[in-house]
Amino acid sequence: MSVFIAAIDNVFCDPNIARDAVYVADGGTPVLVRAVMRRADDITAFGDARLWSETTRIDLRVAEVPNPRPGERIEIASEAFLIQGEPVRDRERLVWTLDLRPA
């Protein structure tokens, strides 16, 4: 096991950082996974204007979710989200970052 995998596993096992989520692939069976949620504000430039928006992004381990696709569902606590846009993997190919929208 590489040092990177061990570090990622520690982050996703920490109850202060990660939480349980349910990943539902299109037409698939719900799978319990661990997710790190990030709800940061985002500033987007559009011409001379700057637009502020709230975002919801989560990180999932590639080992738990090998191929997430836009339109698939994530449930965290009592909230349901859909993946929007293409998921992005980190440099080490261990973690997916998903942009979500309310379902």
N, C-alpha and C. Protein backbone atom coordinates (compact mmCIF):
# COMPACT_ATOMS: atom_id res chain seq x y z
N MET A 1 0.84 -1.17 0.00
CA MET A 1 0.00 0.00 0.00
C MET A 1 0.89 1.24 0.00
N SER A 2 0.58 2.17 -0.90
CA SER A 2 1.40 3.38 -0.95
C SER A 2 1.03 4.33 0.18
N VAL A 3 1.90 5.25 0.44
CA VAL A 3 1.69 6.26 1.46
C VAL A 3 0.47 7.12 1.10
N PHE A 4 0.26 7.38 -0.18
CA PHE A 4 -0.88 8.19 -0.62
C PHE A 4 -2.20 7.48 -0.32
N ILE A 5 -2.26 6.19 -0.60
CA ILE A 5 -3.48 5.43 -0.34
C ILE A 5 -3.78 5.42 1.16
N ALA A 6 -2.76 5.22 1.98
CA ALA A 6 -2.95 5.21 3.43
C ALA A 6 -3.45 6.57 3.92
N ALA A 7 -2.90 7.65 3.39
CA ALA A 7 -3.32 8.99 3.79
C ALA A 7 -4.77 9.25 3.39
N ILE A 8 -5.13 8.87 2.18
CA ILE A 8 -6.51 9.06 1.70
C ILE A 8 -7.46 8.23 2.56
N ASP A 9 -7.11 6.99 2.85
CA ASP A 9 -7.96 6.15 3.69
C ASP A 9 -8.16 6.77 5.07
N ASN A 10 -7.11 7.35 5.65
CA ASN A 10 -7.23 8.01 6.95
C ASN A 10 -8.19 9.19 6.90
N VAL A 11 -8.11 9.98 5.85
CA VAL A 11 -9.01 11.12 5.70
C VAL A 11 -10.46 10.65 5.59
N PHE A 12 -10.72 9.66 4.74
CA PHE A 12 -12.08 9.20 4.52
C PHE A 12 -12.64 8.41 5.71
N CYS A 13 -11.78 7.90 6.58
CA CYS A 13 -12.26 7.19 7.77
C CYS A 13 -12.49 8.12 8.95
N ASP A 14 -11.97 9.33 8.89
CA ASP A 14 -12.11 10.29 9.99
C ASP A 14 -13.55 10.81 10.06
N PRO A 15 -14.25 10.58 11.18
CA PRO A 15 -15.65 11.01 11.28
C PRO A 15 -15.82 12.52 11.32
N ASN A 16 -14.75 13.27 11.57
CA ASN A 16 -14.82 14.73 11.58
C ASN A 16 -14.69 15.32 10.18
N ILE A 17 -14.21 14.54 9.23
CA ILE A 17 -13.98 15.04 7.87
C ILE A 17 -14.96 14.43 6.88
N ALA A 18 -15.11 13.13 6.93
CA ALA A 18 -15.95 12.42 5.96
C ALA A 18 -17.23 11.95 6.61
N ARG A 19 -18.21 11.65 5.77
CA ARG A 19 -19.49 11.15 6.27
C ARG A 19 -20.01 10.07 5.34
N ASP A 20 -20.96 9.30 5.84
CA ASP A 20 -21.57 8.26 5.02
C ASP A 20 -22.45 8.89 3.96
N ALA A 21 -22.46 8.28 2.80
CA ALA A 21 -23.31 8.71 1.69
C ALA A 21 -23.76 7.46 0.95
N VAL A 22 -24.79 7.62 0.16
CA VAL A 22 -25.28 6.52 -0.68
C VAL A 22 -25.12 6.95 -2.12
N TYR A 23 -24.40 6.14 -2.89
CA TYR A 23 -24.17 6.39 -4.31
C TYR A 23 -25.08 5.46 -5.10
N VAL A 24 -25.86 6.03 -6.02
CA VAL A 24 -26.77 5.22 -6.82
C VAL A 24 -26.43 5.44 -8.30
N ALA A 25 -25.81 4.43 -8.90
CA ALA A 25 -25.49 4.49 -10.33
C ALA A 25 -26.78 4.41 -11.13
N ASP A 26 -26.76 4.91 -12.34
CA ASP A 26 -27.94 4.91 -13.20
C ASP A 26 -28.42 3.47 -13.39
N GLY A 27 -29.60 3.15 -12.85
CA GLY A 27 -30.15 1.80 -12.96
C GLY A 27 -29.48 0.79 -12.07
N GLY A 28 -28.63 1.25 -11.14
CA GLY A 28 -27.88 0.32 -10.29
C GLY A 28 -28.42 0.22 -8.88
N THR A 29 -27.73 -0.53 -8.10
CA THR A 29 -28.06 -0.76 -6.70
C THR A 29 -27.39 0.31 -5.84
N PRO A 30 -28.06 0.85 -4.82
CA PRO A 30 -27.42 1.81 -3.93
C PRO A 30 -26.21 1.21 -3.22
N VAL A 31 -25.15 2.00 -3.10
CA VAL A 31 -23.91 1.55 -2.47
C VAL A 31 -23.53 2.55 -1.39
N LEU A 32 -23.24 2.06 -0.17
CA LEU A 32 -22.79 2.93 0.91
C LEU A 32 -21.33 3.29 0.68
N VAL A 33 -21.00 4.58 0.68
CA VAL A 33 -19.64 5.07 0.47
C VAL A 33 -19.33 6.14 1.51
N ARG A 34 -18.08 6.54 1.56
CA ARG A 34 -17.67 7.67 2.41
C ARG A 34 -17.40 8.86 1.51
N ALA A 35 -17.82 10.05 1.94
CA ALA A 35 -17.68 11.26 1.13
C ALA A 35 -17.15 12.41 1.98
N VAL A 36 -16.33 13.23 1.36
CA VAL A 36 -15.87 14.48 1.96
C VAL A 36 -16.61 15.59 1.23
N MET A 37 -17.45 16.32 1.97
CA MET A 37 -18.26 17.39 1.37
C MET A 37 -17.53 18.71 1.43
N ARG A 38 -17.71 19.49 0.35
CA ARG A 38 -17.18 20.85 0.31
C ARG A 38 -18.27 21.74 -0.25
N ARG A 39 -18.68 22.72 0.51
CA ARG A 39 -19.73 23.65 0.08
C ARG A 39 -19.15 25.06 0.06
N ALA A 40 -18.30 25.30 -0.88
CA ALA A 40 -17.64 26.60 -0.98
C ALA A 40 -18.42 27.53 -1.91
N ASP A 41 -18.25 28.83 -1.69
CA ASP A 41 -18.78 29.81 -2.62
C ASP A 41 -17.86 29.86 -3.82
N ASP A 42 -18.41 30.18 -4.98
CA ASP A 42 -17.64 30.23 -6.21
C ASP A 42 -17.87 31.57 -6.88
N ILE A 43 -16.81 32.19 -7.35
CA ILE A 43 -16.89 33.45 -8.08
C ILE A 43 -16.52 33.15 -9.53
N THR A 44 -17.42 33.49 -10.45
CA THR A 44 -17.20 33.25 -11.87
C THR A 44 -17.18 34.58 -12.60
N ALA A 45 -16.17 34.79 -13.41
CA ALA A 45 -16.10 36.01 -14.21
C ALA A 45 -16.92 35.82 -15.48
N PHE A 46 -17.71 36.84 -15.80
CA PHE A 46 -18.52 36.84 -17.03
C PHE A 46 -18.42 38.24 -17.60
N GLY A 47 -17.51 38.41 -18.55
CA GLY A 47 -17.23 39.76 -19.05
C GLY A 47 -16.65 40.59 -17.91
N ASP A 48 -17.25 41.76 -17.66
CA ASP A 48 -16.80 42.62 -16.56
C ASP A 48 -17.49 42.27 -15.24
N ALA A 49 -18.46 41.40 -15.30
CA ALA A 49 -19.20 41.04 -14.09
C ALA A 49 -18.55 39.86 -13.38
N ARG A 50 -18.75 39.81 -12.09
CA ARG A 50 -18.33 38.66 -11.29
C ARG A 50 -19.57 38.11 -10.62
N LEU A 51 -19.85 36.84 -10.88
CA LEU A 51 -21.05 36.20 -10.37
C LEU A 51 -20.71 35.29 -9.20
N TRP A 52 -21.45 35.44 -8.11
CA TRP A 52 -21.27 34.63 -6.92
C TRP A 52 -22.31 33.52 -6.92
N SER A 53 -21.89 32.31 -6.58
CA SER A 53 -22.84 31.21 -6.47
C SER A 53 -22.36 30.24 -5.40
N GLU A 54 -23.32 29.55 -4.79
CA GLU A 54 -23.00 28.49 -3.84
C GLU A 54 -22.74 27.22 -4.64
N THR A 55 -21.82 26.41 -4.18
CA THR A 55 -21.54 25.15 -4.86
C THR A 55 -21.59 24.01 -3.85
N THR A 56 -21.83 22.83 -4.36
CA THR A 56 -21.72 21.62 -3.55
C THR A 56 -20.85 20.65 -4.33
N ARG A 57 -19.71 20.35 -3.75
CA ARG A 57 -18.79 19.38 -4.34
C ARG A 57 -18.47 18.35 -3.28
N ILE A 58 -18.24 17.13 -3.74
CA ILE A 58 -17.81 16.08 -2.82
C ILE A 58 -16.64 15.33 -3.43
N ASP A 59 -15.88 14.72 -2.55
CA ASP A 59 -14.80 13.83 -2.95
C ASP A 59 -15.22 12.41 -2.58
N LEU A 60 -15.00 11.49 -3.52
CA LEU A 60 -15.25 10.06 -3.29
C LEU A 60 -13.99 9.29 -3.67
N ARG A 61 -13.75 8.19 -2.98
CA ARG A 61 -12.60 7.36 -3.34
C ARG A 61 -12.88 6.58 -4.62
N VAL A 62 -11.92 6.53 -5.51
CA VAL A 62 -12.02 5.76 -6.75
C VAL A 62 -12.22 4.28 -6.42
N ALA A 63 -11.64 3.83 -5.33
CA ALA A 63 -11.78 2.42 -4.93
C ALA A 63 -13.23 2.06 -4.62
N GLU A 64 -14.03 3.03 -4.17
CA GLU A 64 -15.43 2.78 -3.86
C GLU A 64 -16.36 3.05 -5.04
N VAL A 65 -16.02 4.06 -5.83
CA VAL A 65 -16.85 4.44 -6.98
C VAL A 65 -15.92 4.55 -8.19
N PRO A 66 -15.77 3.47 -8.95
CA PRO A 66 -14.78 3.47 -10.03
C PRO A 66 -15.13 4.35 -11.23
N ASN A 67 -16.42 4.58 -11.50
CA ASN A 67 -16.76 5.32 -12.72
C ASN A 67 -18.05 6.13 -12.55
N PRO A 68 -18.03 7.20 -11.76
CA PRO A 68 -19.24 8.02 -11.61
C PRO A 68 -19.56 8.76 -12.90
N ARG A 69 -20.84 8.96 -13.19
CA ARG A 69 -21.27 9.60 -14.43
C ARG A 69 -22.27 10.71 -14.12
N PRO A 70 -22.32 11.75 -14.96
CA PRO A 70 -23.31 12.80 -14.78
C PRO A 70 -24.72 12.23 -14.76
N GLY A 71 -25.55 12.78 -13.88
CA GLY A 71 -26.92 12.32 -13.76
C GLY A 71 -27.13 11.26 -12.70
N GLU A 72 -26.06 10.64 -12.22
CA GLU A 72 -26.21 9.64 -11.16
C GLU A 72 -26.45 10.35 -9.82
N ARG A 73 -26.94 9.61 -8.86
CA ARG A 73 -27.47 10.18 -7.61
C ARG A 73 -26.55 9.93 -6.42
N ILE A 74 -26.47 10.94 -5.54
CA ILE A 74 -25.75 10.84 -4.27
C ILE A 74 -26.72 11.30 -3.18
N GLU A 75 -26.84 10.52 -2.13
CA GLU A 75 -27.70 10.89 -1.00
C GLU A 75 -26.83 11.01 0.25
N ILE A 76 -26.92 12.18 0.89
CA ILE A 76 -26.15 12.44 2.10
C ILE A 76 -27.13 12.95 3.15
N ALA A 77 -27.22 12.23 4.25
CA ALA A 77 -28.22 12.52 5.30
C ALA A 77 -29.59 12.54 4.64
N SER A 78 -30.31 13.64 4.73
CA SER A 78 -31.65 13.70 4.14
C SER A 78 -31.67 14.45 2.81
N GLU A 79 -30.49 14.75 2.26
CA GLU A 79 -30.40 15.50 1.01
C GLU A 79 -30.03 14.59 -0.16
N ALA A 80 -30.65 14.85 -1.30
CA ALA A 80 -30.35 14.08 -2.52
C ALA A 80 -29.78 15.03 -3.57
N PHE A 81 -28.75 14.56 -4.27
CA PHE A 81 -28.07 15.36 -5.28
C PHE A 81 -27.89 14.53 -6.55
N LEU A 82 -27.71 15.23 -7.66
CA LEU A 82 -27.34 14.61 -8.92
C LEU A 82 -25.96 15.12 -9.32
N ILE A 83 -25.16 14.24 -9.90
CA ILE A 83 -23.85 14.64 -10.40
C ILE A 83 -24.06 15.47 -11.64
N GLN A 84 -23.43 16.65 -11.69
CA GLN A 84 -23.50 17.47 -12.90
C GLN A 84 -22.08 17.69 -13.41
N GLY A 85 -21.93 17.68 -14.71
CA GLY A 85 -20.61 17.82 -15.30
C GLY A 85 -19.80 16.54 -15.16
N GLU A 86 -18.64 16.56 -15.76
CA GLU A 86 -17.77 15.39 -15.72
C GLU A 86 -16.99 15.31 -14.41
N PRO A 87 -16.99 14.17 -13.75
CA PRO A 87 -16.17 13.99 -12.55
C PRO A 87 -14.69 14.13 -12.90
N VAL A 88 -13.91 14.61 -11.93
CA VAL A 88 -12.47 14.83 -12.13
C VAL A 88 -11.70 14.05 -11.09
N ARG A 89 -10.66 13.32 -11.53
CA ARG A 89 -9.81 12.58 -10.59
C ARG A 89 -8.59 13.41 -10.21
N ASP A 90 -8.06 13.14 -9.02
CA ASP A 90 -6.86 13.82 -8.57
C ASP A 90 -5.63 13.27 -9.31
N ARG A 91 -4.51 13.87 -9.07
CA ARG A 91 -3.26 13.50 -9.76
C ARG A 91 -2.87 12.04 -9.54
N GLU A 92 -3.10 11.55 -8.32
CA GLU A 92 -2.74 10.17 -8.00
C GLU A 92 -3.78 9.16 -8.44
N ARG A 93 -4.91 9.64 -8.97
CA ARG A 93 -6.00 8.78 -9.45
C ARG A 93 -6.65 7.98 -8.32
N LEU A 94 -6.74 8.62 -7.13
CA LEU A 94 -7.32 7.96 -5.96
C LEU A 94 -8.67 8.55 -5.55
N VAL A 95 -8.93 9.79 -5.95
CA VAL A 95 -10.12 10.50 -5.48
C VAL A 95 -10.83 11.18 -6.64
N TRP A 96 -12.16 11.02 -6.69
CA TRP A 96 -13.00 11.75 -7.63
C TRP A 96 -13.50 13.02 -6.95
N THR A 97 -13.55 14.12 -7.66
CA THR A 97 -14.25 15.32 -7.22
C THR A 97 -15.48 15.46 -8.10
N LEU A 98 -16.65 15.54 -7.45
CA LEU A 98 -17.92 15.62 -8.18
C LEU A 98 -18.61 16.93 -7.87
N ASP A 99 -19.11 17.56 -8.89
CA ASP A 99 -19.93 18.77 -8.74
C ASP A 99 -21.38 18.31 -8.69
N LEU A 100 -22.11 18.74 -7.68
CA LEU A 100 -23.48 18.26 -7.47
C LEU A 100 -24.50 19.39 -7.58
N ARG A 101 -25.73 18.99 -7.86
CA ARG A 101 -26.87 19.90 -7.81
C ARG A 101 -27.99 19.18 -7.09
N PRO A 102 -28.88 19.93 -6.44
CA PRO A 102 -29.98 19.27 -5.74
C PRO A 102 -30.82 18.44 -6.71
N ALA A 103 -31.29 17.29 -6.24
CA ALA A 103 -32.10 16.41 -7.07
C ALA A 103 -33.55 16.85 -7.08
